[in-house]
Amino acid sequence: MEILNKILGGVFDTLLLPFRELPSLAGLTLVSVLTAVGMLLVFKATSDQKALAAVKRQISAGIFEIRLFSDDPRAILSAQVDILGHSFRYLRLSIVPTLWMIVPLVLAIIQLQYHYGYQGLQPGSAAIVKVKLKPGSYKASGSFFVLEAPRGLDVETQPLWIPSLNEVAWRIRAKNTGQHQLQLRVGDAAFSKRLDVSSSIVRRSPVRASGSLFDQLLYPAEEPIRDGPVRSISVGYPEAEVSLLGWKTHWVIVYFILAMAAAFALRRPFGVTI
């Protein structure tokens, strides 16, 4: 999984590099169009296009029949039953291409979340760094933890150790833009955590987690923590929003709107029935 994450991370970093200083909508538009093209190609290759076209014609015929015999309740009911049956057949024909698209789409969304889901810290802004420990690994106190920051960051508080949560936290403050490395010492063990201070569209990792398969799937933006008492290190980045025609919302909503619009616009040039 780690190798796959590195490959996908490199692909998306390279793809979005020209858009890192532009509004989020610019890069999302490109990715949405590429997603639409990929979905159309997969749908065309894995679906029965002739059967889909026939089902769509039958559904359209049923709708026309309802309009034509609008004063005949029995004919309307019969047409509605036919439309329902054809709709279920359409869904059945769409299952296979949908299954082929789910895994690549989920992996792409996870990667994009770390570019568009979080805002970088700004000079002067503060954030909380939390370290989650493995339960029952040892007994500790606040003096057992040390967080060291480079020149571009300040650690403003002493470690707040919460035994009931197996968690320790600090407040940090950003001073200079750039990518910084926090250094954490837990007893004799040492760990690092990347932190971004900028307004660019770059890959940001709010959580550096353990090396389990599930954690690597959810948190692919940074190398996993392999050994030691630490389960995860997190930075409280603010959540980002994307503006679409003055409407600010989560990037995933904009992404799907643009991808669906592009798919419907390109279906005829690509000769795909959907």
C-alpha atoms as a PDB file:
ATOM      1  CA  MET A   1       0.000   0.000   0.000  1.00  0.00           C
ATOM      2  CA  GLU A   2       2.842   2.391   0.772  1.00  0.00           C
ATOM      3  CA  ILE A   3       4.304   1.930  -2.716  1.00  0.00           C
ATOM      4  CA  LEU A   4       0.907   2.614  -4.292  1.00  0.00           C
ATOM      5  CA  ASN A   5       0.524   5.743  -2.160  1.00  0.00           C
ATOM      6  CA  LYS A   6       3.913   7.028  -3.279  1.00  0.00           C
ATOM      7  CA  ILE A   7       3.056   6.449  -6.938  1.00  0.00           C
ATOM      8  CA  LEU A   8      -0.363   8.100  -6.665  1.00  0.00           C
ATOM      9  CA  GLY A   9       1.048  10.958  -4.584  1.00  0.00           C
ATOM     10  CA  GLY A  10       3.693  11.641  -7.215  1.00  0.00           C
ATOM     11  CA  VAL A  11       1.129  11.530 -10.032  1.00  0.00           C
ATOM     12  CA  PHE A  12      -1.232  14.002  -8.344  1.00  0.00           C
ATOM     13  CA  ASP A  13       1.605  16.278  -7.195  1.00  0.00           C
ATOM     14  CA  THR A  14       2.884  16.487 -10.784  1.00  0.00           C
ATOM     15  CA  LEU A  15      -0.597  16.913 -12.274  1.00  0.00           C
ATOM     16  CA  LEU A  16      -1.529  19.758  -9.921  1.00  0.00           C
ATOM     17  CA  LEU A  17       1.866  21.476  -9.846  1.00  0.00           C
ATOM     18  CA  PRO A  18       0.920  24.150 -12.469  1.00  0.00           C
ATOM     19  CA  PHE A  19      -2.187  25.033 -10.418  1.00  0.00           C
ATOM     20  CA  ARG A  20      -0.681  25.358  -6.957  1.00  0.00           C
ATOM     21  CA  GLU A  21      -0.807  29.172  -6.944  1.00  0.00           C
ATOM     22  CA  LEU A  22      -4.194  29.414  -8.709  1.00  0.00           C
ATOM     23  CA  PRO A  23      -7.693  29.238  -7.186  1.00  0.00           C
ATOM     24  CA  SER A  24      -8.779  25.725  -6.201  1.00  0.00           C
ATOM     25  CA  LEU A  25     -11.400  25.651  -8.948  1.00  0.00           C
ATOM     26  CA  ALA A  26      -8.721  25.686 -11.670  1.00  0.00           C
ATOM     27  CA  GLY A  27      -7.054  22.432 -10.657  1.00  0.00           C
ATOM     28  CA  LEU A  28     -10.356  20.799  -9.734  1.00  0.00           C
ATOM     29  CA  THR A  29     -11.726  21.546 -13.202  1.00  0.00           C
ATOM     30  CA  LEU A  30      -8.811  19.746 -14.856  1.00  0.00           C
ATOM     31  CA  VAL A  31      -9.067  16.747 -12.543  1.00  0.00           C
ATOM     32  CA  SER A  32     -12.843  16.598 -13.010  1.00  0.00           C
ATOM     33  CA  VAL A  33     -12.544  16.545 -16.803  1.00  0.00           C
ATOM     34  CA  LEU A  34      -9.880  13.816 -16.640  1.00  0.00           C
ATOM     35  CA  THR A  35     -12.111  11.864 -14.257  1.00  0.00           C
ATOM     36  CA  ALA A  36     -15.045  12.208 -16.660  1.00  0.00           C
ATOM     37  CA  VAL A  37     -12.941  10.944 -19.569  1.00  0.00           C
ATOM     38  CA  GLY A  38     -11.744   7.978 -17.503  1.00  0.00           C
ATOM     39  CA  MET A  39     -15.291   7.155 -16.379  1.00  0.00           C
ATOM     40  CA  LEU A  40     -16.577   7.274 -19.946  1.00  0.00           C
ATOM     41  CA  LEU A  41     -13.821   4.990 -21.234  1.00  0.00           C
ATOM     42  CA  VAL A  42     -14.385   2.494 -18.419  1.00  0.00           C
ATOM     43  CA  PHE A  43     -18.158   2.621 -18.871  1.00  0.00           C
ATOM     44  CA  LYS A  44     -17.824   2.034 -22.608  1.00  0.00           C
ATOM     45  CA  ALA A  45     -15.406  -0.871 -22.184  1.00  0.00           C
ATOM     46  CA  THR A  46     -17.244  -2.700 -19.389  1.00  0.00           C
ATOM     47  CA  SER A  47     -20.942  -2.140 -20.172  1.00  0.00           C
ATOM     48  CA  ASP A  48     -23.336  -3.560 -22.760  1.00  0.00           C
ATOM     49  CA  GLN A  49     -23.819  -0.397 -24.778  1.00  0.00           C
ATOM     50  CA  LYS A  50     -26.457  -1.871 -27.112  1.00  0.00           C
ATOM     51  CA  ALA A  51     -28.564  -3.109 -24.203  1.00  0.00           C
ATOM     52  CA  LEU A  52     -28.279   0.238 -22.427  1.00  0.00           C
ATOM     53  CA  ALA A  53     -29.364   2.109 -25.545  1.00  0.00           C
ATOM     54  CA  ALA A  54     -32.345  -0.229 -25.949  1.00  0.00           C
ATOM     55  CA  VAL A  55     -33.406   0.225 -22.317  1.00  0.00           C
ATOM     56  CA  LYS A  56     -33.179   4.019 -22.599  1.00  0.00           C
ATOM     57  CA  ARG A  57     -35.376   3.907 -25.712  1.00  0.00           C
ATOM     58  CA  GLN A  58     -37.915   1.788 -23.836  1.00  0.00           C
ATOM     59  CA  ILE A  59     -37.964   4.210 -20.913  1.00  0.00           C
ATOM     60  CA  SER A  60     -38.437   7.137 -23.298  1.00  0.00           C
ATOM     61  CA  ALA A  61     -41.241   5.260 -25.028  1.00  0.00           C
ATOM     62  CA  GLY A  62     -42.964   4.731 -21.679  1.00  0.00           C
ATOM     63  CA  ILE A  63     -42.731   8.427 -20.854  1.00  0.00           C
ATOM     64  CA  PHE A  64     -44.148   9.294 -24.292  1.00  0.00           C
ATOM     65  CA  GLU A  65     -46.986   6.800 -23.738  1.00  0.00           C
ATOM     66  CA  ILE A  66     -47.929   8.519 -20.457  1.00  0.00           C
ATOM     67  CA  ARG A  67     -48.128  11.860 -22.235  1.00  0.00           C
ATOM     68  CA  LEU A  68     -50.024  10.410 -25.175  1.00  0.00           C
ATOM     69  CA  PHE A  69     -52.675   8.607 -23.095  1.00  0.00           C
ATOM     70  CA  SER A  70     -52.911  11.154 -20.304  1.00  0.00           C
ATOM     71  CA  ASP A  71     -56.679  10.575 -20.030  1.00  0.00           C
ATOM     72  CA  ASP A  72     -56.444   6.768 -19.736  1.00  0.00           C
ATOM     73  CA  PRO A  73     -55.555   5.682 -16.146  1.00  0.00           C
ATOM     74  CA  ARG A  74     -55.030   2.022 -17.121  1.00  0.00           C
ATOM     75  CA  ALA A  75     -52.612   2.936 -19.914  1.00  0.00           C
ATOM     76  CA  ILE A  76     -50.744   5.320 -17.604  1.00  0.00           C
ATOM     77  CA  LEU A  77     -50.427   2.656 -14.898  1.00  0.00           C
ATOM     78  CA  SER A  78     -49.211   0.084 -17.422  1.00  0.00           C
ATOM     79  CA  ALA A  79     -46.636   2.530 -18.774  1.00  0.00           C
ATOM     80  CA  GLN A  80     -45.415   3.342 -15.251  1.00  0.00           C
ATOM     81  CA  VAL A  81     -44.967  -0.361 -14.470  1.00  0.00           C
ATOM     82  CA  ASP A  82     -42.983  -0.789 -17.694  1.00  0.00           C
ATOM     83  CA  ILE A  83     -40.801   2.229 -16.906  1.00  0.00           C
ATOM     84  CA  LEU A  84     -40.080   0.850 -13.438  1.00  0.00           C
ATOM     85  CA  GLY A  85     -39.070  -2.521 -14.868  1.00  0.00           C
ATOM     86  CA  HIS A  86     -36.820  -0.924 -17.490  1.00  0.00           C
ATOM     87  CA  SER A  87     -35.270   1.301 -14.810  1.00  0.00           C
ATOM     88  CA  PHE A  88     -34.318  -1.748 -12.744  1.00  0.00           C
ATOM     89  CA  ARG A  89     -32.791  -3.312 -15.851  1.00  0.00           C
ATOM     90  CA  TYR A  90     -30.834  -0.113 -16.497  1.00  0.00           C
ATOM     91  CA  LEU A  91     -29.475  -0.246 -12.934  1.00  0.00           C
ATOM     92  CA  ARG A  92     -28.505  -3.896 -13.390  1.00  0.00           C
ATOM     93  CA  LEU A  93     -26.639  -3.094 -16.598  1.00  0.00           C
ATOM     94  CA  SER A  94     -24.812  -0.245 -14.805  1.00  0.00           C
ATOM     95  CA  ILE A  95     -23.566  -2.326 -11.879  1.00  0.00           C
ATOM     96  CA  VAL A  96     -20.503  -3.815 -13.596  1.00  0.00           C
ATOM     97  CA  PRO A  97     -19.010  -0.526 -14.894  1.00  0.00           C
ATOM     98  CA  THR A  98     -19.792   1.117 -11.550  1.00  0.00           C
ATOM     99  CA  LEU A  99     -17.849  -1.572  -9.689  1.00  0.00           C
ATOM    100  CA  TRP A 100     -14.895  -1.081 -12.040  1.00  0.00           C
ATOM    101  CA  MET A 101     -14.892   2.650 -11.312  1.00  0.00           C
ATOM    102  CA  ILE A 102     -15.349   2.602  -7.529  1.00  0.00           C
ATOM    103  CA  VAL A 103     -11.808   1.691  -6.425  1.00  0.00           C
ATOM    104  CA  PRO A 104      -9.924   4.146  -8.708  1.00  0.00           C
ATOM    105  CA  LEU A 105     -12.414   6.881  -7.843  1.00  0.00           C
ATOM    106  CA  VAL A 106     -12.041   6.327  -4.087  1.00  0.00           C
ATOM    107  CA  LEU A 107      -8.232   6.379  -4.352  1.00  0.00           C
ATOM    108  CA  ALA A 108      -8.374   9.596  -6.383  1.00  0.00           C
ATOM    109  CA  ILE A 109     -10.717  11.263  -3.871  1.00  0.00           C
ATOM    110  CA  ILE A 110      -8.438  10.319  -0.978  1.00  0.00           C
ATOM    111  CA  GLN A 111      -5.435  11.831  -2.761  1.00  0.00           C
ATOM    112  CA  LEU A 112      -7.327  14.993  -3.702  1.00  0.00           C
ATOM    113  CA  GLN A 113      -8.521  15.469  -0.120  1.00  0.00           C
ATOM    114  CA  TYR A 114      -4.947  16.199   0.921  1.00  0.00           C
ATOM    115  CA  HIS A 115      -4.621  18.905  -1.744  1.00  0.00           C
ATOM    116  CA  TYR A 116      -8.025  20.572  -1.449  1.00  0.00           C
ATOM    117  CA  GLY A 117      -9.404  19.545   1.929  1.00  0.00           C
ATOM    118  CA  TYR A 118      -7.152  21.628   4.190  1.00  0.00           C
ATOM    119  CA  GLN A 119      -5.760  25.137   4.321  1.00  0.00           C
ATOM    120  CA  GLY A 120      -2.147  25.689   5.191  1.00  0.00           C
ATOM    121  CA  LEU A 121      -1.293  27.659   8.303  1.00  0.00           C
ATOM    122  CA  GLN A 122      -0.518  31.336   7.820  1.00  0.00           C
ATOM    123  CA  PRO A 123       2.266  33.315   9.533  1.00  0.00           C
ATOM    124  CA  GLY A 124       0.954  34.329  12.934  1.00  0.00           C
ATOM    125  CA  SER A 125      -1.730  31.623  13.111  1.00  0.00           C
ATOM    126  CA  ALA A 126      -1.764  28.903  15.771  1.00  0.00           C
ATOM    127  CA  ALA A 127      -2.587  25.203  15.653  1.00  0.00           C
ATOM    128  CA  ILE A 128      -2.744  22.236  17.996  1.00  0.00           C
ATOM    129  CA  VAL A 129      -0.377  19.302  17.596  1.00  0.00           C
ATOM    130  CA  LYS A 130      -1.710  16.073  19.085  1.00  0.00           C
ATOM    131  CA  VAL A 131       0.144  12.831  19.645  1.00  0.00           C
ATOM    132  CA  LYS A 132      -1.949   9.702  20.138  1.00  0.00           C
ATOM    133  CA  LEU A 133      -0.204   6.870  21.961  1.00  0.00           C
ATOM    134  CA  LYS A 134      -0.797   3.143  21.784  1.00  0.00           C
ATOM    135  CA  PRO A 135      -2.887   2.074  24.785  1.00  0.00           C
ATOM    136  CA  GLY A 136      -1.056   0.324  27.567  1.00  0.00           C
ATOM    137  CA  SER A 137       2.357   0.822  26.009  1.00  0.00           C
ATOM    138  CA  TYR A 138       3.793   2.438  29.156  1.00  0.00           C
ATOM    139  CA  LYS A 139       3.154   4.836  31.978  1.00  0.00           C
ATOM    140  CA  ALA A 140       4.235   8.403  31.285  1.00  0.00           C
ATOM    141  CA  SER A 141       4.037  12.002  32.409  1.00  0.00           C
ATOM    142  CA  GLY A 142       4.283  15.327  30.629  1.00  0.00           C
ATOM    143  CA  SER A 143       8.059  15.468  31.030  1.00  0.00           C
ATOM    144  CA  PHE A 144       8.332  12.286  28.976  1.00  0.00           C
ATOM    145  CA  PHE A 145       7.448  14.194  25.762  1.00  0.00           C
ATOM    146  CA  VAL A 146       9.493  16.801  23.919  1.00  0.00           C
ATOM    147  CA  LEU A 147       8.363  18.670  20.780  1.00  0.00           C
ATOM    148  CA  GLU A 148      11.068  20.574  18.909  1.00  0.00           C
ATOM    149  CA  ALA A 149      10.266  23.071  16.159  1.00  0.00           C
ATOM    150  CA  PRO A 150      12.466  24.674  13.473  1.00  0.00           C
ATOM    151  CA  ARG A 151      12.943  28.445  13.191  1.00  0.00           C
ATOM    152  CA  GLY A 152       9.746  28.965  11.237  1.00  0.00           C
ATOM    153  CA  LEU A 153       7.589  27.684  14.118  1.00  0.00           C
ATOM    154  CA  ASP A 154       7.206  28.331  17.846  1.00  0.00           C
ATOM    155  CA  VAL A 155       6.069  25.809  20.446  1.00  0.00           C
ATOM    156  CA  GLU A 156       4.029  28.010  22.797  1.00  0.00           C
ATOM    157  CA  THR A 157       2.988  25.566  25.513  1.00  0.00           C
ATOM    158  CA  GLN A 158       4.324  22.777  27.634  1.00  0.00           C
ATOM    159  CA  PRO A 159       3.023  19.299  26.770  1.00  0.00           C
ATOM    160  CA  LEU A 160      -0.511  18.660  28.003  1.00  0.00           C
ATOM    161  CA  TRP A 161      -0.601  14.984  28.942  1.00  0.00           C
ATOM    162  CA  ILE A 162      -4.079  13.387  29.122  1.00  0.00           C
ATOM    163  CA  PRO A 163      -3.660   9.828  30.453  1.00  0.00           C
ATOM    164  CA  SER A 164      -7.335   8.880  30.005  1.00  0.00           C
ATOM    165  CA  LEU A 165      -7.049   9.544  26.250  1.00  0.00           C
ATOM    166  CA  ASN A 166      -3.465   8.326  25.826  1.00  0.00           C
ATOM    167  CA  GLU A 167      -2.848  11.712  24.235  1.00  0.00           C
ATOM    168  CA  VAL A 168      -0.471  14.639  24.578  1.00  0.00           C
ATOM    169  CA  ALA A 169      -0.912  18.058  22.946  1.00  0.00           C
ATOM    170  CA  TRP A 170       0.935  21.334  22.308  1.00  0.00           C
ATOM    171  CA  ARG A 171      -0.030  24.677  20.795  1.00  0.00           C
ATOM    172  CA  ILE A 172       2.309  25.886  18.091  1.00  0.00           C
ATOM    173  CA  ARG A 173       2.419  29.152  16.142  1.00  0.00           C
ATOM    174  CA  ALA A 174       3.620  29.687  12.599  1.00  0.00           C
ATOM    175  CA  LYS A 175       6.184  32.413  11.900  1.00  0.00           C
ATOM    176  CA  ASN A 176       7.531  31.863   8.375  1.00  0.00           C
ATOM    177  CA  THR A 177       6.071  30.313   5.232  1.00  0.00           C
ATOM    178  CA  GLY A 178       7.417  27.027   3.988  1.00  0.00           C
ATOM    179  CA  GLN A 179       7.342  23.323   4.788  1.00  0.00           C
ATOM    180  CA  HIS A 180       8.679  22.588   8.259  1.00  0.00           C
ATOM    181  CA  GLN A 181       9.563  19.434  10.150  1.00  0.00           C
ATOM    182  CA  LEU A 182       8.475  19.048  13.758  1.00  0.00           C
ATOM    183  CA  GLN A 183      10.634  16.706  15.808  1.00  0.00           C
ATOM    184  CA  LEU A 184       8.967  14.662  18.541  1.00  0.00           C
ATOM    185  CA  ARG A 185      10.735  12.668  21.246  1.00  0.00           C
ATOM    186  CA  VAL A 186       8.801  10.191  23.336  1.00  0.00           C
ATOM    187  CA  GLY A 187      11.243   8.787  25.850  1.00  0.00           C
ATOM    188  CA  ASP A 188      14.080   7.367  23.760  1.00  0.00           C
ATOM    189  CA  ALA A 189      12.037   7.186  20.548  1.00  0.00           C
ATOM    190  CA  ALA A 190      12.112   9.964  17.925  1.00  0.00           C
ATOM    191  CA  PHE A 191       9.502  10.870  15.299  1.00  0.00           C
ATOM    192  CA  SER A 192       8.911  13.683  12.816  1.00  0.00           C
ATOM    193  CA  LYS A 193       5.832  15.420  11.379  1.00  0.00           C
ATOM    194  CA  ARG A 194       5.646  17.643   8.302  1.00  0.00           C
ATOM    195  CA  LEU A 195       3.819  20.955   8.649  1.00  0.00           C
ATOM    196  CA  ASP A 196       2.956  23.389   5.856  1.00  0.00           C
ATOM    197  CA  VAL A 197       2.717  27.165   6.274  1.00  0.00           C
ATOM    198  CA  SER A 198       1.465  28.602   2.960  1.00  0.00           C
ATOM    199  CA  SER A 199      -1.634  29.380   0.914  1.00  0.00           C
ATOM    200  CA  SER A 200      -0.559  27.239  -2.056  1.00  0.00           C
ATOM    201  CA  ILE A 201      -2.447  24.151  -3.261  1.00  0.00           C
ATOM    202  CA  VAL A 202      -0.042  21.472  -2.067  1.00  0.00           C
ATOM    203  CA  ARG A 203      -0.336  18.075  -0.455  1.00  0.00           C
ATOM    204  CA  ARG A 204      -0.929  18.571   3.268  1.00  0.00           C
ATOM    205  CA  SER A 205      -0.944  15.778   5.784  1.00  0.00           C
ATOM    206  CA  PRO A 206      -3.028  16.541   8.884  1.00  0.00           C
ATOM    207  CA  VAL A 207      -2.268  13.097  10.309  1.00  0.00           C
ATOM    208  CA  ARG A 208       0.798  10.910  10.233  1.00  0.00           C
ATOM    209  CA  ALA A 209      -0.555   7.536  11.319  1.00  0.00           C
ATOM    210  CA  SER A 210       0.606   3.987  11.973  1.00  0.00           C
ATOM    211  CA  GLY A 211       1.585   1.541   9.277  1.00  0.00           C
ATOM    212  CA  SER A 212      -1.635  -0.488   9.327  1.00  0.00           C
ATOM    213  CA  LEU A 213      -3.281  -1.057   5.958  1.00  0.00           C
ATOM    214  CA  PHE A 214      -6.379   0.908   6.962  1.00  0.00           C
ATOM    215  CA  ASP A 215      -4.346   3.892   8.197  1.00  0.00           C
ATOM    216  CA  GLN A 216      -2.228   3.897   5.041  1.00  0.00           C
ATOM    217  CA  LEU A 217      -5.406   3.928   2.957  1.00  0.00           C
ATOM    218  CA  LEU A 218      -6.919   6.877   4.864  1.00  0.00           C
ATOM    219  CA  TYR A 219      -3.705   8.860   5.453  1.00  0.00           C
ATOM    220  CA  PRO A 220      -1.506   8.406   2.358  1.00  0.00           C
ATOM    221  CA  ALA A 221       0.042  11.888   2.290  1.00  0.00           C
ATOM    222  CA  GLU A 222       2.921  11.085   4.650  1.00  0.00           C
ATOM    223  CA  GLU A 223       5.033   8.032   5.390  1.00  0.00           C
ATOM    224  CA  PRO A 224       3.516   5.859   8.138  1.00  0.00           C
ATOM    225  CA  ILE A 225       4.890   5.520  11.660  1.00  0.00           C
ATOM    226  CA  ARG A 226       6.378   2.056  11.720  1.00  0.00           C
ATOM    227  CA  ASP A 227       7.463   1.299  15.279  1.00  0.00           C
ATOM    228  CA  GLY A 228       7.337   2.690  18.775  1.00  0.00           C
ATOM    229  CA  PRO A 229       4.646   3.836  21.216  1.00  0.00           C
ATOM    230  CA  VAL A 230       3.103   6.504  18.940  1.00  0.00           C
ATOM    231  CA  ARG A 231      -0.093   5.674  17.057  1.00  0.00           C
ATOM    232  CA  SER A 232      -0.499   9.022  15.276  1.00  0.00           C
ATOM    233  CA  ILE A 233       0.697  12.647  15.134  1.00  0.00           C
ATOM    234  CA  SER A 234      -1.827  15.212  13.956  1.00  0.00           C
ATOM    235  CA  VAL A 235      -1.810  18.931  13.131  1.00  0.00           C
ATOM    236  CA  GLY A 236      -5.025  20.972  13.305  1.00  0.00           C
ATOM    237  CA  TYR A 237      -5.157  22.439   9.822  1.00  0.00           C
ATOM    238  CA  PRO A 238      -8.276  24.528   9.070  1.00  0.00           C
ATOM    239  CA  GLU A 239     -10.699  22.904   6.632  1.00  0.00           C
ATOM    240  CA  ALA A 240     -10.785  24.451   3.164  1.00  0.00           C
ATOM    241  CA  GLU A 241     -13.747  25.440   0.997  1.00  0.00           C
ATOM    242  CA  VAL A 242     -14.014  25.906  -2.763  1.00  0.00           C
ATOM    243  CA  SER A 243     -15.939  28.766  -4.360  1.00  0.00           C
ATOM    244  CA  LEU A 244     -18.157  27.849  -7.318  1.00  0.00           C
ATOM    245  CA  LEU A 245     -19.898  30.910  -8.786  1.00  0.00           C
ATOM    246  CA  GLY A 246     -19.823  32.556  -5.375  1.00  0.00           C
ATOM    247  CA  TRP A 247     -21.093  29.451  -3.586  1.00  0.00           C
ATOM    248  CA  LYS A 248     -18.573  28.151  -1.045  1.00  0.00           C
ATOM    249  CA  THR A 249     -18.742  24.449  -0.295  1.00  0.00           C
ATOM    250  CA  HIS A 250     -16.661  21.314   0.220  1.00  0.00           C
ATOM    251  CA  TRP A 251     -14.381  20.479  -2.680  1.00  0.00           C
ATOM    252  CA  VAL A 252     -15.905  16.986  -3.183  1.00  0.00           C
ATOM    253  CA  ILE A 253     -19.283  18.512  -4.086  1.00  0.00           C
ATOM    254  CA  VAL A 254     -17.670  20.781  -6.683  1.00  0.00           C
ATOM    255  CA  TYR A 255     -15.593  17.875  -7.991  1.00  0.00           C
ATOM    256  CA  PHE A 256     -18.636  15.652  -8.592  1.00  0.00           C
ATOM    257  CA  ILE A 257     -20.675  18.464 -10.124  1.00  0.00           C
ATOM    258  CA  LEU A 258     -17.900  19.262 -12.600  1.00  0.00           C
ATOM    259  CA  ALA A 259     -17.142  15.595 -13.324  1.00  0.00           C
ATOM    260  CA  MET A 260     -20.808  14.758 -14.005  1.00  0.00           C
ATOM    261  CA  ALA A 261     -21.231  17.839 -16.185  1.00  0.00           C
ATOM    262  CA  ALA A 262     -18.106  16.960 -18.166  1.00  0.00           C
ATOM    263  CA  ALA A 263     -19.210  13.328 -18.549  1.00  0.00           C
ATOM    264  CA  PHE A 264     -22.592  14.334 -19.986  1.00  0.00           C
ATOM    265  CA  ALA A 265     -20.961  16.905 -22.265  1.00  0.00           C
ATOM    266  CA  LEU A 266     -18.399  14.407 -23.602  1.00  0.00           C
ATOM    267  CA  ARG A 267     -20.546  11.286 -23.848  1.00  0.00           C
ATOM    268  CA  ARG A 268     -21.470  11.862 -27.474  1.00  0.00           C
ATOM    269  CA  PRO A 269     -17.960  12.750 -28.733  1.00  0.00           C
ATOM    270  CA  PHE A 270     -16.719   9.545 -27.029  1.00  0.00           C
ATOM    271  CA  GLY A 271     -19.682   7.541 -28.341  1.00  0.00           C
ATOM    272  CA  VAL A 272     -20.812   6.349 -24.904  1.00  0.00           C
ATOM    273  CA  THR A 273     -24.348   5.559 -23.814  1.00  0.00           C
ATOM    274  CA  ILE A 274     -24.856   6.252 -20.120  1.00  0.00           C
END
